[in-house]
PDB file of all heavy atoms in Angstrom:
ATOM      1  N   GLY A   1       0.803  -1.198   0.016  1.00  0.00           N
ATOM      2  CA  GLY A   1       0.016   0.052   0.002  1.00  0.00           C
ATOM      3  C   GLY A   1       0.803   1.260   0.000  1.00  0.00           C
ATOM      4  O   GLY A   1       0.191   2.322  -0.108  1.00  0.00           O
ATOM      5  N   LEU A   2       2.106   1.217   0.162  1.00  0.00           N
ATOM      6  CA  LEU A   2       2.969   2.300   0.250  1.00  0.00           C
ATOM      7  C   LEU A   2       3.863   2.408  -0.951  1.00  0.00           C
ATOM      8  O   LEU A   2       4.986   2.079  -0.984  1.00  0.00           O
ATOM      9  CB  LEU A   2       3.865   2.306   1.572  1.00  0.00           C
ATOM     10  CG  LEU A   2       3.052   2.194   2.818  1.00  0.00           C
ATOM     11  CD1 LEU A   2       4.034   1.978   3.986  1.00  0.00           C
ATOM     12  CD2 LEU A   2       2.300   3.453   3.077  1.00  0.00           C
ATOM     13  N   SER A   3       3.248   3.008  -2.007  1.00  0.00           N
ATOM     14  CA  SER A   3       3.979   3.004  -3.371  1.00  0.00           C
ATOM     15  C   SER A   3       5.256   3.792  -3.306  1.00  0.00           C
ATOM     16  O   SER A   3       6.231   3.378  -3.931  1.00  0.00           O
ATOM     17  CB  SER A   3       3.024   3.481  -4.396  1.00  0.00           C
ATOM     18  OG  SER A   3       2.503   4.741  -4.108  1.00  0.00           O
ATOM     19  N   ARG A   4       5.210   4.962  -2.691  1.00  0.00           N
ATOM     20  CA  ARG A   4       6.403   5.792  -2.711  1.00  0.00           C
ATOM     21  C   ARG A   4       7.579   5.147  -1.940  1.00  0.00           C
ATOM     22  O   ARG A   4       8.666   5.174  -2.340  1.00  0.00           O
ATOM     23  CB  ARG A   4       6.045   7.155  -2.082  1.00  0.00           C
ATOM     24  CG  ARG A   4       5.143   8.033  -2.957  1.00  0.00           C
ATOM     25  CD  ARG A   4       4.920   9.405  -2.333  1.00  0.00           C
ATOM     26  NE  ARG A   4       4.120  10.207  -3.091  1.00  0.00           N
ATOM     27  CZ  ARG A   4       2.756  10.351  -3.108  1.00  0.00           C
ATOM     28  NH1 ARG A   4       2.113   9.558  -2.121  1.00  0.00           N
ATOM     29  NH2 ARG A   4       2.064  11.058  -3.827  1.00  0.00           N
ATOM     30  N   ALA A   5       7.240   4.493  -0.787  1.00  0.00           N
ATOM     31  CA  ALA A   5       8.234   3.820   0.021  1.00  0.00           C
ATOM     32  C   ALA A   5       8.891   2.730  -0.772  1.00  0.00           C
ATOM     33  O   ALA A   5      10.065   2.480  -0.780  1.00  0.00           O
ATOM     34  CB  ALA A   5       7.636   3.368   1.329  1.00  0.00           C
ATOM     35  N   LEU A   6       8.008   1.892  -1.411  1.00  0.00           N
ATOM     36  CA  LEU A   6       8.437   0.765  -2.213  1.00  0.00           C
ATOM     37  C   LEU A   6       9.314   1.103  -3.370  1.00  0.00           C
ATOM     38  O   LEU A   6      10.309   0.554  -3.594  1.00  0.00           O
ATOM     39  CB  LEU A   6       7.210  -0.103  -2.684  1.00  0.00           C
ATOM     40  CG  LEU A   6       7.514  -1.503  -3.217  1.00  0.00           C
ATOM     41  CD1 LEU A   6       8.243  -2.263  -2.161  1.00  0.00           C
ATOM     42  CD2 LEU A   6       6.193  -2.139  -3.567  1.00  0.00           C
ATOM     43  N   THR A   7       8.835   2.261  -4.071  1.00  0.00           N
ATOM     44  CA  THR A   7       9.613   2.728  -5.125  1.00  0.00           C
ATOM     45  C   THR A   7      11.090   3.174  -4.690  1.00  0.00           C
ATOM     46  O   THR A   7      12.077   2.897  -5.322  1.00  0.00           O
ATOM     47  CB  THR A   7       8.894   3.880  -5.853  1.00  0.00           C
ATOM     48  OG1 THR A   7       7.690   3.431  -6.361  1.00  0.00           O
ATOM     49  CG2 THR A   7       9.684   4.439  -7.014  1.00  0.00           C
ATOM     50  N   ALA A   8      11.093   3.978  -3.624  1.00  0.00           N
ATOM     51  CA  ALA A   8      12.366   4.410  -3.055  1.00  0.00           C
ATOM     52  C   ALA A   8      13.277   3.294  -2.639  1.00  0.00           C
ATOM     53  O   ALA A   8      14.475   3.300  -2.873  1.00  0.00           O
ATOM     54  CB  ALA A   8      12.068   5.440  -1.922  1.00  0.00           C
ATOM     55  N   ALA A   9      12.653   2.262  -2.053  1.00  0.00           N
ATOM     56  CA  ALA A   9      13.379   1.156  -1.525  1.00  0.00           C
ATOM     57  C   ALA A   9      14.069   0.308  -2.796  1.00  0.00           C
ATOM     58  O   ALA A   9      15.199   0.031  -2.739  1.00  0.00           O
ATOM     59  CB  ALA A   9      12.564   0.171  -0.851  1.00  0.00           C
ATOM     60  N   VAL A  10      13.344   0.092  -3.802  1.00  0.00           N
ATOM     61  CA  VAL A  10      13.800  -0.597  -5.039  1.00  0.00           C
ATOM     62  C   VAL A  10      14.953   0.254  -5.656  1.00  0.00           C
ATOM     63  O   VAL A  10      15.937  -0.302  -6.006  1.00  0.00           O
ATOM     64  CB  VAL A  10      12.643  -0.955  -5.915  1.00  0.00           C
ATOM     65  CG1 VAL A  10      13.207  -1.446  -7.264  1.00  0.00           C
ATOM     66  CG2 VAL A  10      11.649  -1.917  -5.327  1.00  0.00           C
ATOM     67  N   ALA A  11      14.694   1.550  -5.788  1.00  0.00           N
ATOM     68  CA  ALA A  11      15.681   2.419  -6.351  1.00  0.00           C
ATOM     69  C   ALA A  11      16.966   2.336  -5.656  1.00  0.00           C
ATOM     70  O   ALA A  11      18.112   2.246  -6.210  1.00  0.00           O
ATOM     71  CB  ALA A  11      15.098   3.825  -6.553  1.00  0.00           C
ATOM     72  N   ALA A  12      16.855   2.446  -4.270  1.00  0.00           N
ATOM     73  CA  ALA A  12      18.057   2.441  -3.449  1.00  0.00           C
ATOM     74  C   ALA A  12      18.804   1.150  -3.496  1.00  0.00           C
ATOM     75  O   ALA A  12      20.058   1.065  -3.539  1.00  0.00           O
ATOM     76  CB  ALA A  12      17.727   2.799  -2.018  1.00  0.00           C
ATOM     77  N   GLY A  13      18.041   0.057  -3.624  1.00  0.00           N
ATOM     78  CA  GLY A  13      18.623  -1.352  -3.734  1.00  0.00           C
ATOM     79  C   GLY A  13      19.318  -1.470  -5.049  1.00  0.00           C
ATOM     80  O   GLY A  13      20.470  -2.045  -5.073  1.00  0.00           O
ATOM     81  N   VAL A  14      18.727  -1.085  -6.089  1.00  0.00           N
ATOM     82  CA  VAL A  14      19.420  -1.235  -7.387  1.00  0.00           C
ATOM     83  C   VAL A  14      20.717  -0.414  -7.449  1.00  0.00           C
ATOM     84  O   VAL A  14      21.764  -0.852  -7.931  1.00  0.00           O
ATOM     85  CB  VAL A  14      18.493  -0.808  -8.570  1.00  0.00           C
ATOM     86  CG1 VAL A  14      19.266  -0.704  -9.882  1.00  0.00           C
ATOM     87  CG2 VAL A  14      17.341  -1.789  -8.702  1.00  0.00           C
ATOM     88  N   PHE A  15      20.639   0.795  -6.942  1.00  0.00           N
ATOM     89  CA  PHE A  15      21.847   1.656  -6.947  1.00  0.00           C
ATOM     90  C   PHE A  15      22.952   0.941  -6.096  1.00  0.00           C
ATOM     91  O   PHE A  15      24.129   0.965  -6.534  1.00  0.00           O
ATOM     92  CB  PHE A  15      21.547   3.056  -6.350  1.00  0.00           C
ATOM     93  CG  PHE A  15      22.755   3.917  -6.177  1.00  0.00           C
ATOM     94  CD1 PHE A  15      23.216   4.519  -7.238  1.00  0.00           C
ATOM     95  CD2 PHE A  15      23.346   4.151  -4.944  1.00  0.00           C
ATOM     96  CE1 PHE A  15      24.437   5.399  -7.168  1.00  0.00           C
ATOM     97  CE2 PHE A  15      24.337   4.937  -4.824  1.00  0.00           C
ATOM     98  CZ  PHE A  15      24.982   5.559  -5.943  1.00  0.00           C
ATOM     99  N   ALA A  16      22.574   0.388  -4.935  1.00  0.00           N
ATOM    100  CA  ALA A  16      23.550  -0.204  -4.121  1.00  0.00           C
ATOM    101  C   ALA A  16      24.240  -1.392  -4.723  1.00  0.00           C
ATOM    102  O   ALA A  16      25.402  -1.673  -4.638  1.00  0.00           O
ATOM    103  CB  ALA A  16      22.926  -0.627  -2.725  1.00  0.00           C
ATOM    104  N   LEU A  17      23.436  -2.151  -5.490  1.00  0.00           N
ATOM    105  CA  LEU A  17      23.907  -3.462  -6.130  1.00  0.00           C
ATOM    106  C   LEU A  17      25.002  -3.122  -7.199  1.00  0.00           C
ATOM    107  O   LEU A  17      25.841  -4.031  -7.342  1.00  0.00           O
ATOM    108  CB  LEU A  17      22.802  -4.143  -6.814  1.00  0.00           C
ATOM    109  CG  LEU A  17      22.045  -5.112  -5.808  1.00  0.00           C
ATOM    110  CD1 LEU A  17      20.916  -5.777  -6.617  1.00  0.00           C
ATOM    111  CD2 LEU A  17      22.899  -6.222  -5.276  1.00  0.00           C
ATOM    112  N   VAL A  18      25.011  -1.953  -7.791  1.00  0.00           N
ATOM    113  CA  VAL A  18      25.954  -1.719  -8.906  1.00  0.00           C
ATOM    114  C   VAL A  18      27.084  -0.824  -8.426  1.00  0.00           C
ATOM    115  O   VAL A  18      27.815  -0.243  -9.220  1.00  0.00           O
ATOM    116  CB  VAL A  18      25.270  -1.126 -10.100  1.00  0.00           C
ATOM    117  CG1 VAL A  18      24.263  -2.088 -10.673  1.00  0.00           C
ATOM    118  CG2 VAL A  18      24.594   0.252  -9.803  1.00  0.00           C
ATOM    119  N   THR A  19      27.221  -0.660  -7.076  1.00  0.00           N
ATOM    120  CA  THR A  19      28.362   0.223  -6.553  1.00  0.00           C
ATOM    121  C   THR A  19      29.361  -0.598  -5.856  1.00  0.00           C
ATOM    122  O   THR A  19      29.065  -1.349  -4.905  1.00  0.00           O
ATOM    123  CB  THR A  19      27.691   1.175  -5.485  1.00  0.00           C
ATOM    124  OG1 THR A  19      26.632   1.947  -6.106  1.00  0.00           O
ATOM    125  CG2 THR A  19      28.680   2.205  -4.988  1.00  0.00           C
ATOM    126  N   SER A  20      30.627  -0.573  -6.371  1.00  0.00           N
ATOM    127  CA  SER A  20      31.630  -1.379  -5.856  1.00  0.00           C
ATOM    128  C   SER A  20      31.959  -1.127  -4.398  1.00  0.00           C
ATOM    129  O   SER A  20      32.462  -2.024  -3.655  1.00  0.00           O
ATOM    130  CB  SER A  20      32.933  -1.273  -6.741  1.00  0.00           C
ATOM    131  OG  SER A  20      33.388   0.083  -6.792  1.00  0.00           O
ATOM    132  N   ASP A  21      31.793   0.120  -3.969  1.00  0.00           N
ATOM    133  CA  ASP A  21      32.069   0.409  -2.541  1.00  0.00           C
ATOM    134  C   ASP A  21      31.121  -0.292  -1.642  1.00  0.00           C
ATOM    135  O   ASP A  21      31.491  -0.753  -0.533  1.00  0.00           O
ATOM    136  CB  ASP A  21      31.930   1.969  -2.268  1.00  0.00           C
ATOM    137  CG  ASP A  21      33.045   2.761  -2.880  1.00  0.00           C
ATOM    138  OD1 ASP A  21      34.137   2.118  -3.104  1.00  0.00           O
ATOM    139  OD2 ASP A  21      32.850   3.954  -3.117  1.00  0.00           O
ATOM    140  N   ILE A  22      29.865  -0.525  -2.058  1.00  0.00           N
ATOM    141  CA  ILE A  22      28.949  -1.317  -1.305  1.00  0.00           C
ATOM    142  C   ILE A  22      29.320  -2.738  -1.302  1.00  0.00           C
ATOM    143  O   ILE A  22      29.195  -3.459  -0.216  1.00  0.00           O
ATOM    144  CB  ILE A  22      27.542  -1.160  -1.914  1.00  0.00           C
ATOM    145  CG1 ILE A  22      27.037   0.355  -1.961  1.00  0.00           C
ATOM    146  CG2 ILE A  22      26.494  -2.012  -1.131  1.00  0.00           C
ATOM    147  CD1 ILE A  22      26.853   1.030  -0.618  1.00  0.00           C
ATOM    148  N   TRP A  23      29.901  -3.303  -2.277  1.00  0.00           N
ATOM    149  CA  TRP A  23      30.371  -4.648  -2.398  1.00  0.00           C
ATOM    150  C   TRP A  23      31.402  -4.812  -1.292  1.00  0.00           C
ATOM    151  O   TRP A  23      31.407  -5.784  -0.486  1.00  0.00           O
ATOM    152  CB  TRP A  23      30.981  -4.925  -3.723  1.00  0.00           C
ATOM    153  CG  TRP A  23      30.146  -4.803  -4.882  1.00  0.00           C
ATOM    154  CD1 TRP A  23      28.744  -4.579  -4.936  1.00  0.00           C
ATOM    155  CD2 TRP A  23      30.528  -4.892  -6.234  1.00  0.00           C
ATOM    156  NE1 TRP A  23      28.286  -4.552  -6.135  1.00  0.00           N
ATOM    157  CE2 TRP A  23      29.342  -4.715  -7.054  1.00  0.00           C
ATOM    158  CE3 TRP A  23      31.647  -5.177  -6.893  1.00  0.00           C
ATOM    159  CZ2 TRP A  23      29.287  -4.734  -8.405  1.00  0.00           C
ATOM    160  CZ3 TRP A  23      31.709  -5.172  -8.319  1.00  0.00           C
ATOM    161  CH2 TRP A  23      30.500  -4.995  -9.017  1.00  0.00           C
ATOM    162  N   ARG A  24      32.377  -3.814  -1.165  1.00  0.00           N
ATOM    163  CA  ARG A  24      33.506  -3.957  -0.267  1.00  0.00           C
ATOM    164  C   ARG A  24      32.937  -3.827   1.127  1.00  0.00           C
ATOM    165  O   ARG A  24      33.459  -4.505   2.118  1.00  0.00           O
ATOM    166  CB  ARG A  24      34.609  -2.974  -0.628  1.00  0.00           C
ATOM    167  CG  ARG A  24      35.372  -3.344  -1.876  1.00  0.00           C
ATOM    168  CD  ARG A  24      36.571  -2.437  -2.030  1.00  0.00           C
ATOM    169  NE  ARG A  24      36.263  -1.112  -2.420  1.00  0.00           N
ATOM    170  CZ  ARG A  24      36.094  -0.672  -3.669  1.00  0.00           C
ATOM    171  NH1 ARG A  24      36.261  -1.596  -4.660  1.00  0.00           N
ATOM    172  NH2 ARG A  24      35.792   0.603  -3.914  1.00  0.00           N
TER     173      ARG A  24
END
C-alpha cells in the first residue's frame, strides 16, 4: 500500500547493487 516507500526502496537497492564500494 505504500507505493512511494516501495519505489524508493527498490531504487536504493538497485543503486547499491551496482556500486563497488557497497560490495566492499
